[in-house]
Amino acid sequence: MRKRWASALGQFRHPAQVIATGFAAAILLGTVLLTLPIATTSGSSAGWLTALFTATSAVCVTGLVVVDTASHWSMFGELVIAGLIQAGGLGIMTLATLFTLLVAGRLGLRTRIFAQAETKTFSMSDVRRVVGKIVLFSLACEAVVAVVLSARFVIGYGEPLGAAVYLGGFHAVSAFNNAGFGLWPDNLMRFVTDPWICLPIAAAVIVGGLGFPVVFELARSWRRPSRWTILTRVTVGVTLILLVAGTLVFLITEWRNPATLGKLDGPGKLLAAFFTGVMPRTAGFNSLDIAQMYPSSLLATDVLMFIGGGSAGTAGGIKVTTFGLLAFIIWAELRGEPRVNVGHRRLSDSAQRQAVSITAISIGLVAVSTWVLLVLTPHSLDQVLFEAVSAFGTVGLSTGITAAVTPAGQLLLVLLMFVGRIGPLTMGSALALKERQHRYELPEEKVIVG
């Protein structure tokens, strides 16, 4: 078994190829399972496009849907979706590493390299320990949220214990993995003023979106911020800023909107605005009707969805780390400093190039995809841009046009979700046959920029 596994991995030249192939294989498996008649409530086979879209949305922990999850899919179908969400959240390579540990008892060098690429650990010798922590931490967080939600469904809404546990478990997995799949037609709008539902889900989204390296470092040295790495400093700082800014933006813009916050009392408005500000991190839950929001709120949501959550977490987008590093790069350039410093650390040149490249590629993909969707659909720019950013950022929020998008448009959204989950640079390197290294440098020339 170990030799066959190593032989299979040996067919790939770069860890990114394994990651991309693993996600594609999971999507294919999910598509096949969701096309089975047992997966639907009607007992008839779902269309291949519906199954493909749903499987991609689940594996890429997005939450966009073309059919209502609760009414269209049977319990078997919902369990398949939950399993795909869990697999996508933990990462295919994390699960593969765990499988290798169980079967072989130890890791080979190549497997360590691949697992390191997926888990974003900094030392290959730490992969086994980190993978175990990732699995245990994820299951523990999901269990805590599931217990709180299940208790609320029983006590507050009179659900039978079995149904409450099922609802609590499904939404806990969906929340921690930043998926946003809900089992009600209105998602979570019926719980807009219920803090026992909204706050545990929001907490799970935030923790899952921080990223495992950041969570582990905070657990070790949360009392000593001066010892935090650049990754933790930027992730925590930018996350707090975006959470506060998002809440204030939605409070200001939607305060008098009778279709959203306008009908709620003061505490209800604050809870709904906070929940709405958290979800673009990138979980597709919504307690307000997105389609009824003002254009200014949709634009603010676009920005938050594009930024996303933390690196190595379950969130998508260009990542708060990338966004924060761009801010430091711009600040250093404005001050005319030759080096970019974050706290008492200097930012490497490769990290600067990666941040700029990821942002530029992402903007290009969203812009081109938005233009194509405008050509393929009769919807407005606000709606189409929102859909494209939501798919690329693996968010899952929608103004309600997903099911009405043409088959060609839905396939484009599938591609956006896949690329958004894998990451532009990872996807690009996975497609490259080999890395090119120059053994020489060309003469430098100054170029006027701007």
Protein backbone atom coordinates (compact mmCIF):
# COMPACT_ATOMS: atom_id res chain seq x y z
CA MET A 1 0.00 0.00 0.00
CA ARG A 2 2.78 2.41 0.93
CA LYS A 3 4.66 1.76 -2.31
CA ARG A 4 1.54 2.22 -4.44
CA TRP A 5 0.77 5.50 -2.62
CA ALA A 6 4.30 6.80 -3.15
CA SER A 7 4.18 5.71 -6.80
CA ALA A 8 0.93 7.62 -7.33
CA LEU A 9 2.37 10.75 -5.73
CA GLY A 10 5.47 10.37 -7.82
CA GLN A 11 3.49 11.10 -10.97
CA PHE A 12 3.21 14.75 -9.94
CA ARG A 13 5.98 17.31 -10.19
CA HIS A 14 4.56 19.84 -7.75
CA PRO A 15 2.48 19.56 -4.53
CA ALA A 16 -0.07 21.97 -6.00
CA GLN A 17 -0.87 19.40 -8.68
CA VAL A 18 -1.79 16.87 -6.02
CA ILE A 19 -3.99 19.38 -4.19
CA ALA A 20 -5.84 20.40 -7.36
CA THR A 21 -6.26 16.78 -8.44
CA GLY A 22 -7.49 15.79 -4.99
CA PHE A 23 -10.17 18.47 -4.96
CA ALA A 24 -11.22 17.57 -8.51
CA ALA A 25 -11.50 13.89 -7.54
CA ALA A 26 -13.64 14.77 -4.51
CA ILE A 27 -15.93 16.88 -6.70
CA LEU A 28 -16.24 14.02 -9.21
CA LEU A 29 -17.10 11.55 -6.46
CA GLY A 30 -19.65 13.95 -4.97
CA THR A 31 -21.22 14.52 -8.38
CA VAL A 32 -21.65 10.78 -8.92
CA LEU A 33 -23.20 10.28 -5.46
CA LEU A 34 -25.59 13.21 -5.88
CA THR A 35 -26.84 11.88 -9.24
CA LEU A 36 -28.07 8.67 -7.54
CA PRO A 37 -31.88 8.52 -7.20
CA ILE A 38 -31.50 7.95 -3.45
CA ALA A 39 -29.94 11.40 -3.11
CA THR A 40 -33.16 13.30 -3.96
CA THR A 41 -36.49 13.51 -2.16
CA SER A 42 -38.35 12.75 -5.38
CA GLY A 43 -36.46 9.50 -5.94
CA SER A 44 -35.43 10.57 -9.43
CA SER A 45 -31.89 11.28 -10.51
CA ALA A 46 -30.77 14.89 -10.28
CA GLY A 47 -29.35 16.43 -13.45
CA TRP A 48 -25.61 16.19 -13.88
CA LEU A 49 -25.23 19.97 -13.85
CA THR A 50 -27.19 20.30 -10.60
CA ALA A 51 -25.12 17.54 -9.01
CA LEU A 52 -21.84 19.01 -10.31
CA PHE A 53 -22.71 22.51 -9.11
CA THR A 54 -23.77 21.29 -5.66
CA ALA A 55 -20.74 19.00 -5.26
CA THR A 56 -18.36 21.78 -6.27
CA SER A 57 -20.05 24.23 -3.94
CA ALA A 58 -19.77 21.74 -1.07
CA VAL A 59 -16.16 20.64 -1.65
CA CYS A 60 -15.07 24.24 -2.21
CA VAL A 61 -17.06 25.19 0.94
CA THR A 62 -18.97 27.89 -0.92
CA GLY A 63 -22.70 27.50 -0.33
CA LEU A 64 -24.10 28.66 -3.67
CA VAL A 65 -27.02 26.44 -4.68
CA VAL A 66 -29.22 26.01 -7.73
CA VAL A 67 -31.87 24.00 -5.84
CA ASP A 68 -33.20 24.26 -2.29
CA THR A 69 -31.05 21.97 -0.17
CA ALA A 70 -33.74 20.81 2.26
CA SER A 71 -36.55 20.17 -0.22
CA HIS A 72 -34.54 18.81 -3.16
CA TRP A 73 -32.03 16.52 -1.46
CA SER A 74 -32.91 13.53 0.72
CA MET A 75 -31.16 12.79 4.01
CA PHE A 76 -28.64 10.71 2.04
CA GLY A 77 -28.00 13.68 -0.25
CA GLU A 78 -27.65 16.05 2.68
CA LEU A 79 -25.19 13.71 4.39
CA VAL A 80 -23.18 13.52 1.16
CA ILE A 81 -23.11 17.33 1.06
CA ALA A 82 -22.02 17.49 4.72
CA GLY A 83 -19.27 14.97 4.04
CA LEU A 84 -18.04 16.94 1.04
CA ILE A 85 -18.03 20.12 3.13
CA GLN A 86 -15.97 18.41 5.83
CA ALA A 87 -13.52 17.03 3.29
CA GLY A 88 -13.14 20.37 1.57
CA GLY A 89 -12.73 22.24 4.84
CA LEU A 90 -10.05 20.01 6.26
CA GLY A 91 -8.35 19.77 2.91
CA ILE A 92 -7.97 16.74 0.73
CA MET A 93 -4.26 16.48 1.48
CA THR A 94 -4.87 16.69 5.23
CA LEU A 95 -7.23 13.72 4.98
CA ALA A 96 -4.78 11.91 2.72
CA THR A 97 -1.99 12.48 5.23
CA LEU A 98 -4.16 11.11 8.04
CA PHE A 99 -5.01 8.08 5.89
CA THR A 100 -1.33 7.47 5.24
CA LEU A 101 -0.57 7.67 8.97
CA LEU A 102 -3.26 5.12 9.75
CA VAL A 103 -2.16 2.68 7.06
CA ALA A 104 1.61 3.07 6.96
CA GLY A 105 2.33 4.34 10.44
CA ARG A 106 4.83 6.87 9.19
CA LEU A 107 5.29 9.52 6.49
CA GLY A 108 7.65 9.53 3.55
CA LEU A 109 9.48 12.68 2.50
CA ARG A 110 7.32 13.31 -0.57
CA THR A 111 4.09 12.89 1.40
CA ARG A 112 5.39 15.33 4.05
CA ILE A 113 6.07 17.91 1.33
CA PHE A 114 2.57 17.58 -0.10
CA ALA A 115 0.93 17.73 3.31
CA GLN A 116 3.01 20.80 4.19
CA ALA A 117 1.73 22.56 1.07
CA GLU A 118 -1.87 21.95 2.12
CA THR A 119 -1.63 22.64 5.86
CA LYS A 120 0.72 25.66 5.51
CA THR A 121 2.99 24.35 8.27
CA PHE A 122 6.48 25.77 8.52
CA SER A 123 8.44 22.57 9.24
CA MET A 124 8.01 19.24 7.52
CA SER A 125 8.85 17.45 10.75
CA ASP A 126 5.73 19.00 12.32
CA VAL A 127 3.27 17.73 9.70
CA ARG A 128 2.15 14.61 11.62
CA ARG A 129 1.51 16.55 14.83
CA VAL A 130 -0.20 19.43 13.05
CA VAL A 131 -2.51 17.20 11.03
CA GLY A 132 -3.65 15.50 14.21
CA LYS A 133 -4.29 18.85 15.85
CA ILE A 134 -6.22 20.09 12.81
CA VAL A 135 -8.57 17.12 12.86
CA LEU A 136 -9.13 17.17 16.63
CA PHE A 137 -9.56 20.94 16.79
CA SER A 138 -12.03 20.95 13.89
CA LEU A 139 -14.15 18.15 15.32
CA ALA A 140 -14.09 19.72 18.79
CA CYS A 141 -15.26 23.11 17.50
CA GLU A 142 -17.99 21.52 15.42
CA ALA A 143 -19.12 19.42 18.39
CA VAL A 144 -19.40 22.43 20.69
CA VAL A 145 -21.41 24.44 18.15
CA ALA A 146 -23.58 21.42 17.36
CA VAL A 147 -24.45 20.96 21.06
CA VAL A 148 -25.41 24.63 21.49
CA LEU A 149 -27.51 24.69 18.32
CA SER A 150 -29.19 21.35 19.10
CA ALA A 151 -30.12 22.52 22.58
CA ARG A 152 -31.58 25.72 21.17
CA PHE A 153 -33.64 23.86 18.58
CA VAL A 154 -35.09 21.62 21.29
CA ILE A 155 -35.69 24.29 23.95
CA GLY A 156 -36.56 27.28 21.80
CA TYR A 157 -38.31 25.73 18.82
CA GLY A 158 -39.69 22.43 20.08
CA GLU A 159 -37.79 20.24 17.64
CA PRO A 160 -37.62 16.52 18.46
CA LEU A 161 -34.23 15.53 19.87
CA GLY A 162 -33.21 13.54 16.79
CA ALA A 163 -34.14 16.30 14.38
CA ALA A 164 -32.45 18.92 16.57
CA VAL A 165 -29.19 16.96 16.71
CA TYR A 166 -29.27 16.51 12.94
CA LEU A 167 -29.92 20.21 12.30
CA GLY A 168 -27.32 21.26 14.86
CA GLY A 169 -24.66 18.92 13.49
CA PHE A 170 -25.22 19.86 9.85
CA HIS A 171 -25.10 23.59 10.48
CA ALA A 172 -22.09 23.27 12.80
CA VAL A 173 -20.11 21.53 10.06
CA SER A 174 -21.33 24.04 7.49
CA ALA A 175 -20.43 27.00 9.73
CA PHE A 176 -16.97 25.95 10.90
CA ASN A 177 -15.97 25.08 7.34
CA ASN A 178 -17.33 28.43 6.08
CA ALA A 179 -19.72 26.67 3.69
CA GLY A 180 -23.04 28.39 4.39
CA PHE A 181 -25.35 25.52 3.39
CA GLY A 182 -28.63 25.83 5.29
CA LEU A 183 -31.57 23.46 5.65
CA TRP A 184 -34.29 26.12 5.38
CA PRO A 185 -35.50 27.84 2.20
CA ASP A 186 -34.70 31.26 3.70
CA ASN A 187 -31.33 30.08 5.05
CA LEU A 188 -31.22 31.66 8.56
CA MET A 189 -33.56 34.62 8.04
CA ARG A 190 -36.10 33.16 10.47
CA PHE A 191 -33.45 33.36 13.23
CA VAL A 192 -32.39 36.95 12.53
CA THR A 193 -32.93 38.11 16.14
CA ASP A 194 -31.97 34.85 17.90
CA PRO A 195 -28.48 35.21 19.42
CA TRP A 196 -28.41 31.52 20.43
CA ILE A 197 -28.42 30.60 16.74
CA CYS A 198 -26.59 33.51 15.11
CA LEU A 199 -23.71 33.98 17.57
CA PRO A 200 -22.51 30.34 17.74
CA ILE A 201 -22.61 30.12 13.94
CA ALA A 202 -20.78 33.46 13.61
CA ALA A 203 -18.15 32.31 16.12
CA ALA A 204 -17.60 29.07 14.22
CA VAL A 205 -17.21 31.01 10.96
CA ILE A 206 -14.64 33.37 12.51
CA VAL A 207 -12.57 30.62 14.15
CA GLY A 208 -12.66 28.41 11.07
CA GLY A 209 -11.70 31.35 8.88
CA LEU A 210 -8.69 32.43 10.95
CA GLY A 211 -6.57 29.52 9.78
CA PHE A 212 -5.07 26.69 11.77
CA PRO A 213 -1.54 28.13 12.14
CA VAL A 214 -2.98 31.35 13.58
CA VAL A 215 -5.30 29.53 15.98
CA PHE A 216 -2.49 27.32 17.23
CA GLU A 217 -0.15 30.27 17.74
CA LEU A 218 -2.82 32.23 19.59
CA ALA A 219 -3.39 29.23 21.86
CA ARG A 220 0.33 29.11 22.66
CA SER A 221 1.09 32.79 23.15
CA TRP A 222 -2.12 34.82 23.24
CA ARG A 223 -0.76 36.78 26.22
CA ARG A 224 2.42 37.80 24.35
CA PRO A 225 1.42 39.60 21.14
CA SER A 226 4.99 40.88 20.74
CA ARG A 227 6.07 37.31 19.93
CA TRP A 228 3.44 36.75 17.27
CA THR A 229 4.58 36.03 13.74
CA ILE A 230 3.72 38.35 10.85
CA LEU A 231 1.04 35.89 9.76
CA THR A 232 -0.75 36.03 13.12
CA ARG A 233 -0.34 39.78 13.57
CA VAL A 234 -1.72 40.63 10.16
CA THR A 235 -4.50 38.03 10.25
CA VAL A 236 -5.80 39.01 13.69
CA GLY A 237 -5.42 42.75 13.12
CA VAL A 238 -7.09 42.87 9.73
CA THR A 239 -9.82 40.46 10.84
CA LEU A 240 -10.80 42.67 13.79
CA ILE A 241 -10.78 45.78 11.59
CA LEU A 242 -12.97 44.14 8.94
CA LEU A 243 -15.43 42.75 11.50
CA VAL A 244 -15.92 46.17 13.09
CA ALA A 245 -15.99 47.98 9.74
CA GLY A 246 -18.44 45.50 8.24
CA THR A 247 -20.82 45.78 11.17
CA LEU A 248 -20.74 49.60 11.08
CA VAL A 249 -21.21 49.73 7.30
CA PHE A 250 -24.33 47.57 7.38
CA LEU A 251 -25.72 49.43 10.37
CA ILE A 252 -25.30 52.76 8.59
CA THR A 253 -26.49 51.77 5.12
CA GLU A 254 -29.35 49.44 6.09
CA TRP A 255 -30.61 51.13 9.27
CA ARG A 256 -33.75 52.53 7.64
CA ASN A 257 -34.23 49.88 4.96
CA PRO A 258 -37.70 48.42 5.74
CA ALA A 259 -36.83 45.17 3.95
CA THR A 260 -33.73 44.47 6.09
CA LEU A 261 -32.74 46.23 9.35
CA GLY A 262 -35.52 48.82 9.35
CA LYS A 263 -38.11 46.39 10.74
CA LEU A 264 -35.95 45.31 13.72
CA ASP A 265 -35.44 46.88 17.14
CA GLY A 266 -32.07 48.22 18.32
CA PRO A 267 -30.54 44.97 19.66
CA GLY A 268 -31.93 43.10 16.66
CA LYS A 269 -30.33 45.55 14.26
CA LEU A 270 -26.96 45.23 15.99
CA LEU A 271 -27.09 41.40 15.94
CA ALA A 272 -28.20 41.28 12.30
CA ALA A 273 -25.56 43.81 11.21
CA PHE A 274 -22.82 41.91 13.04
CA PHE A 275 -23.94 38.58 11.55
CA THR A 276 -24.11 40.11 8.09
CA GLY A 277 -20.64 41.59 8.55
CA VAL A 278 -19.18 38.22 9.58
CA MET A 279 -20.61 36.11 6.76
CA PRO A 280 -18.61 37.61 3.85
CA ARG A 281 -15.52 36.11 5.55
CA THR A 282 -16.59 33.64 3.63
CA ALA A 283 -19.69 31.76 4.76
CA GLY A 284 -22.89 31.92 2.76
CA PHE A 285 -25.31 32.12 5.67
CA ASN A 286 -27.66 35.10 5.65
CA SER A 287 -30.14 36.35 8.25
CA LEU A 288 -31.23 39.27 6.02
CA ASP A 289 -32.63 39.22 2.50
CA ILE A 290 -29.57 39.96 0.36
CA ALA A 291 -31.70 40.81 -2.67
CA GLN A 292 -33.37 43.67 -0.76
CA MET A 293 -30.15 45.36 0.28
CA TYR A 294 -29.17 48.76 -1.08
CA PRO A 295 -26.51 48.85 -3.85
CA SER A 296 -24.07 50.45 -1.40
CA SER A 297 -24.41 47.43 0.91
CA LEU A 298 -23.93 45.03 -2.00
CA LEU A 299 -20.73 46.84 -2.97
CA ALA A 300 -19.42 46.69 0.60
CA THR A 301 -20.22 42.97 0.67
CA ASP A 302 -18.35 42.53 -2.63
CA VAL A 303 -15.24 44.03 -1.07
CA LEU A 304 -15.48 41.90 2.08
CA MET A 305 -16.07 38.73 0.05
CA PHE A 306 -13.12 39.47 -2.20
CA ILE A 307 -10.81 39.88 0.82
CA GLY A 308 -12.09 36.74 2.53
CA GLY A 309 -10.57 35.13 5.61
CA GLY A 310 -7.25 33.87 6.93
CA SER A 311 -4.62 31.83 5.14
CA ALA A 312 -4.69 28.04 5.68
CA GLY A 313 -8.22 28.32 7.06
CA THR A 314 -11.55 27.25 5.64
CA ALA A 315 -12.31 30.69 4.18
CA GLY A 316 -11.70 31.84 0.61
CA GLY A 317 -10.95 35.18 -1.07
CA ILE A 318 -7.50 36.63 -1.55
CA LYS A 319 -7.12 36.28 2.26
CA VAL A 320 -6.86 38.96 4.93
CA THR A 321 -3.12 38.28 5.05
CA THR A 322 -2.74 39.27 1.41
CA PHE A 323 -4.87 42.36 1.93
CA GLY A 324 -2.90 43.38 5.02
CA LEU A 325 0.47 42.85 3.33
CA LEU A 326 -0.67 44.99 0.39
CA ALA A 327 -1.44 47.79 2.84
CA PHE A 328 2.07 47.55 4.32
CA ILE A 329 3.61 47.44 0.83
CA ILE A 330 1.73 50.57 -0.24
CA TRP A 331 2.61 52.36 3.00
CA ALA A 332 6.31 51.57 2.56
CA GLU A 333 6.21 52.78 -1.05
CA LEU A 334 4.48 56.02 -0.09
CA ARG A 335 7.16 56.66 2.53
CA GLY A 336 9.93 55.81 0.10
CA GLU A 337 11.30 52.99 2.24
CA PRO A 338 13.39 50.34 0.43
CA ARG A 339 12.12 47.51 2.67
CA VAL A 340 8.66 46.54 3.87
CA ASN A 341 8.54 46.02 7.62
CA VAL A 342 5.71 44.57 9.68
CA GLY A 343 6.31 45.21 13.36
CA HIS A 344 9.87 44.11 14.08
CA ARG A 345 10.08 41.83 11.06
CA ARG A 346 11.04 42.47 7.42
CA LEU A 347 8.68 41.13 4.78
CA SER A 348 10.44 38.91 2.23
CA ASP A 349 10.49 39.89 -1.44
CA SER A 350 8.77 36.63 -2.42
CA ALA A 351 5.86 37.33 -0.05
CA GLN A 352 5.45 40.79 -1.59
CA ARG A 353 5.39 39.33 -5.12
CA GLN A 354 2.88 36.68 -4.09
CA ALA A 355 0.55 39.23 -2.50
CA VAL A 356 0.60 41.46 -5.58
CA SER A 357 0.26 38.51 -7.97
CA ILE A 358 -2.66 36.93 -6.11
CA THR A 359 -4.54 40.23 -6.02
CA ALA A 360 -3.90 41.04 -9.68
CA ILE A 361 -4.89 37.56 -10.89
CA SER A 362 -7.99 37.56 -8.72
CA ILE A 363 -9.15 40.97 -9.96
CA GLY A 364 -8.64 39.82 -13.54
CA LEU A 365 -10.59 36.59 -13.03
CA VAL A 366 -13.50 38.36 -11.36
CA ALA A 367 -13.60 41.10 -14.02
CA VAL A 368 -13.56 38.68 -16.95
CA SER A 369 -16.09 36.36 -15.30
CA THR A 370 -18.42 39.27 -14.56
CA TRP A 371 -18.28 40.38 -18.19
CA VAL A 372 -19.04 36.86 -19.43
CA LEU A 373 -21.96 36.51 -17.02
CA LEU A 374 -23.34 39.87 -18.17
CA VAL A 375 -23.28 38.55 -21.73
CA LEU A 376 -24.92 35.25 -20.77
CA THR A 377 -27.61 36.58 -18.42
CA PRO A 378 -30.13 39.46 -18.38
CA HIS A 379 -29.31 40.43 -14.80
CA SER A 380 -27.91 43.75 -13.61
CA LEU A 381 -24.23 44.50 -12.98
CA ASP A 382 -24.82 44.63 -9.21
CA GLN A 383 -26.28 41.13 -9.20
CA VAL A 384 -23.78 39.58 -11.60
CA LEU A 385 -20.72 41.10 -9.92
CA PHE A 386 -22.04 39.93 -6.55
CA GLU A 387 -22.48 36.39 -7.89
CA ALA A 388 -19.01 36.29 -9.45
CA VAL A 389 -17.25 37.59 -6.35
CA SER A 390 -19.25 35.23 -4.14
CA ALA A 391 -18.24 32.23 -6.27
CA PHE A 392 -14.58 33.21 -6.50
CA GLY A 393 -14.39 34.04 -2.79
CA THR A 394 -16.15 30.72 -1.99
CA VAL A 395 -18.70 32.70 0.02
CA GLY A 396 -22.10 31.46 -1.12
CA LEU A 397 -24.11 34.64 -0.59
CA SER A 398 -26.42 35.46 -3.48
CA THR A 399 -29.05 37.95 -4.56
CA GLY A 400 -31.14 34.98 -5.69
CA ILE A 401 -30.12 34.67 -9.33
CA THR A 402 -27.99 31.50 -9.10
CA ALA A 403 -30.72 29.11 -10.25
CA ALA A 404 -31.72 31.49 -13.06
CA VAL A 405 -28.21 31.68 -14.54
CA THR A 406 -27.84 29.83 -17.84
CA PRO A 407 -26.10 26.40 -17.86
CA ALA A 408 -23.01 28.01 -19.40
CA GLY A 409 -23.05 30.62 -16.64
CA GLN A 410 -23.39 27.95 -13.96
CA LEU A 411 -20.39 26.10 -15.40
CA LEU A 412 -18.44 29.35 -15.19
CA LEU A 413 -19.45 29.68 -11.53
CA VAL A 414 -18.29 26.08 -10.96
CA LEU A 415 -14.89 27.00 -12.40
CA LEU A 416 -14.73 30.15 -10.27
CA MET A 417 -15.51 28.20 -7.10
CA PHE A 418 -12.82 25.64 -7.91
CA VAL A 419 -10.17 28.24 -8.73
CA GLY A 420 -11.17 30.32 -5.71
CA ARG A 421 -10.75 27.36 -3.35
CA ILE A 422 -7.47 26.16 -4.80
CA GLY A 423 -6.06 29.66 -5.14
CA PRO A 424 -4.84 31.46 -8.27
CA LEU A 425 -1.14 30.84 -7.71
CA THR A 426 -1.66 27.22 -6.61
CA MET A 427 -3.86 26.58 -9.62
CA GLY A 428 -1.32 28.13 -11.94
CA SER A 429 1.57 26.13 -10.51
CA ALA A 430 -0.49 22.95 -10.68
CA LEU A 431 -0.90 23.45 -14.41
CA ALA A 432 2.79 24.15 -14.95
CA LEU A 433 4.85 21.12 -15.95
CA LYS A 434 7.94 22.30 -14.19
CA GLU A 435 9.45 25.26 -12.39
CA ARG A 436 11.95 27.31 -14.35
CA GLN A 437 15.06 28.57 -12.61
CA HIS A 438 17.41 31.04 -14.28
CA ARG A 439 21.13 30.71 -13.61
CA TYR A 440 21.78 34.32 -14.55
CA GLU A 441 20.42 37.83 -14.01
CA LEU A 442 19.83 40.49 -16.65
CA PRO A 443 20.99 44.11 -16.29
CA GLU A 444 18.62 46.29 -14.29
CA GLU A 445 16.77 49.18 -15.96
CA LYS A 446 14.63 51.87 -14.32
CA VAL A 447 11.07 52.14 -15.67
CA ILE A 448 8.64 55.02 -15.15
CA VAL A 449 5.49 53.65 -13.48
CA GLY A 450 2.23 55.60 -13.44
